[in-house]
């Protein structure tokens, strides 16, 4: 059971929330916070690609006992293909955020833009 699997959902949600909240207070911080979140996700996805080694990792969110032989709960599955796609998506997102530092500065509402990443 890989404990990194639920973090692929929790970290972007927490990063978007923090970007919206802290972006109002410290507007120059939001672009760096978005970059840090995507850098962390890219590193986690690279670690997941290297540790998956041909198998499938399953993370049981609920962990409830099966009722009548039917498992109840949420299963998050990480295999080779999903780990590779996570790696590609996070690296492309990181490159897009770094590129957008100079591009998006001419527009308003940078706070809302970086919360989408």
Protein backbone atom coordinates (compact mmCIF):
# COMPACT_ATOMS: atom_id res chain seq x y z
CA UNK A 1 0.00 0.00 0.00
CA UNK A 2 1.60 3.21 -1.23
CA UNK A 3 0.93 6.16 1.12
CA UNK A 4 1.69 8.68 -1.67
CA UNK A 5 -1.46 7.83 -3.63
CA UNK A 6 -3.97 9.99 -1.66
CA UNK A 7 -1.45 12.84 -1.58
CA UNK A 8 -1.84 13.20 -5.36
CA UNK A 9 -5.37 14.42 -4.63
CA UNK A 10 -4.83 16.23 -1.32
CA UNK A 11 -1.79 18.34 -2.27
CA UNK A 12 -3.33 20.05 -5.35
CA UNK A 13 -6.54 20.78 -3.44
CA UNK A 14 -4.61 22.24 -0.51
CA UNK A 15 -2.37 24.19 -2.89
CA UNK A 16 -5.35 25.72 -4.69
CA UNK A 17 -6.94 26.66 -1.38
CA UNK A 18 -3.73 28.21 -0.05
CA UNK A 19 -3.17 30.07 -3.32
CA UNK A 20 -6.62 31.62 -3.11
CA UNK A 21 -6.28 32.57 0.56
CA UNK A 22 -2.64 33.68 0.62
CA UNK A 23 -2.92 35.28 -2.82
CA UNK A 24 -5.29 37.87 -1.40
CA UNK A 25 -2.92 38.69 1.45
CA UNK A 26 0.42 38.35 -0.36
CA UNK A 27 -0.19 38.67 -4.12
CA UNK A 28 3.42 38.01 -5.11
CA UNK A 29 3.46 34.68 -3.29
CA UNK A 30 0.86 32.85 -5.40
CA UNK A 31 3.08 32.11 -8.40
CA UNK A 32 5.80 30.63 -6.20
CA UNK A 33 3.31 28.60 -4.22
CA UNK A 34 1.93 27.13 -7.46
CA UNK A 35 5.45 26.29 -8.59
CA UNK A 36 6.30 24.66 -5.25
CA UNK A 37 3.14 22.54 -5.31
CA UNK A 38 3.81 21.35 -8.85
CA UNK A 39 7.48 20.71 -8.09
CA UNK A 40 6.44 18.59 -5.12
CA UNK A 41 3.93 16.68 -7.26
CA UNK A 42 6.52 16.13 -10.00
CA UNK A 43 9.00 14.74 -7.46
CA UNK A 44 6.32 12.50 -5.96
CA UNK A 45 5.36 11.19 -9.39
CA UNK A 46 9.00 10.46 -10.22
CA UNK A 47 9.31 8.56 -6.94
CA UNK A 48 6.12 6.64 -7.78
CA UNK A 49 7.45 5.69 -11.22
CA UNK A 50 10.66 4.38 -9.69
CA UNK A 51 8.98 2.41 -6.89
CA UNK A 52 6.08 0.83 -8.78
CA UNK A 53 8.37 -1.80 -10.45
CA UNK A 54 5.83 -3.64 -12.58
CA UNK A 55 3.20 -4.14 -9.91
CA UNK A 56 0.03 -2.41 -8.86
CA UNK A 57 -0.32 -0.41 -5.65
CA UNK A 58 -3.78 -0.21 -4.12
CA UNK A 59 -4.72 2.28 -1.41
CA UNK A 60 -7.98 1.56 0.42
CA UNK A 61 -9.50 4.83 1.54
CA UNK A 62 -12.40 3.49 3.55
CA UNK A 63 -10.98 0.21 4.76
CA UNK A 64 -14.43 -1.08 5.71
CA UNK A 65 -15.13 -4.77 5.93
CA UNK A 66 -16.82 -6.37 2.89
CA UNK A 67 -20.56 -6.86 3.25
CA UNK A 68 -21.79 -10.07 1.66
CA UNK A 69 -18.52 -10.46 -0.24
CA UNK A 70 -18.86 -7.00 -1.80
CA UNK A 71 -16.07 -4.60 -0.83
CA UNK A 72 -17.30 -1.21 0.31
CA UNK A 73 -15.02 1.78 0.10
CA UNK A 74 -12.87 3.70 -2.31
CA UNK A 75 -9.85 2.07 -3.91
CA UNK A 76 -7.11 4.20 -5.42
CA UNK A 77 -4.94 2.21 -7.83
CA UNK A 78 -1.49 3.15 -9.09
CA UNK A 79 0.03 1.05 -11.85
CA UNK A 80 2.76 1.64 -14.44
CA UNK A 81 0.56 3.55 -16.88
CA UNK A 82 -1.05 5.82 -14.30
CA UNK A 83 2.35 6.55 -12.69
CA UNK A 84 3.81 7.45 -16.09
CA UNK A 85 0.84 9.69 -16.91
CA UNK A 86 1.11 11.37 -13.51
CA UNK A 87 4.77 12.05 -14.18
CA UNK A 88 4.12 13.53 -17.63
CA UNK A 89 1.20 15.69 -16.48
CA UNK A 90 3.04 17.08 -13.47
CA UNK A 91 6.21 17.88 -15.41
CA UNK A 92 4.26 19.61 -18.19
CA UNK A 93 2.29 21.55 -15.56
CA UNK A 94 5.51 22.61 -13.85
CA UNK A 95 6.99 23.83 -17.14
CA UNK A 96 3.75 25.71 -17.91
CA UNK A 97 3.81 27.47 -14.53
CA UNK A 98 7.45 28.48 -14.94
CA UNK A 99 6.72 29.82 -18.45
CA UNK A 100 3.68 31.72 -17.22
CA UNK A 101 5.69 33.83 -14.75
CA UNK A 102 6.49 36.41 -17.41
CA UNK A 103 3.50 35.81 -19.68
CA UNK A 104 0.62 36.16 -17.21
CA UNK A 105 2.10 39.21 -15.47
CA UNK A 106 0.60 41.48 -18.14
CA UNK A 107 -2.91 40.31 -17.24
CA UNK A 108 -4.91 40.86 -14.10
CA UNK A 109 -6.15 38.24 -11.64
CA UNK A 110 -2.92 36.28 -11.33
CA UNK A 111 -4.33 34.91 -8.11
CA UNK A 112 -7.12 33.05 -9.90
CA UNK A 113 -4.82 31.85 -12.66
CA UNK A 114 -2.32 30.14 -10.38
CA UNK A 115 -5.01 28.51 -8.26
CA UNK A 116 -6.03 26.51 -11.36
CA UNK A 117 -2.70 24.71 -11.40
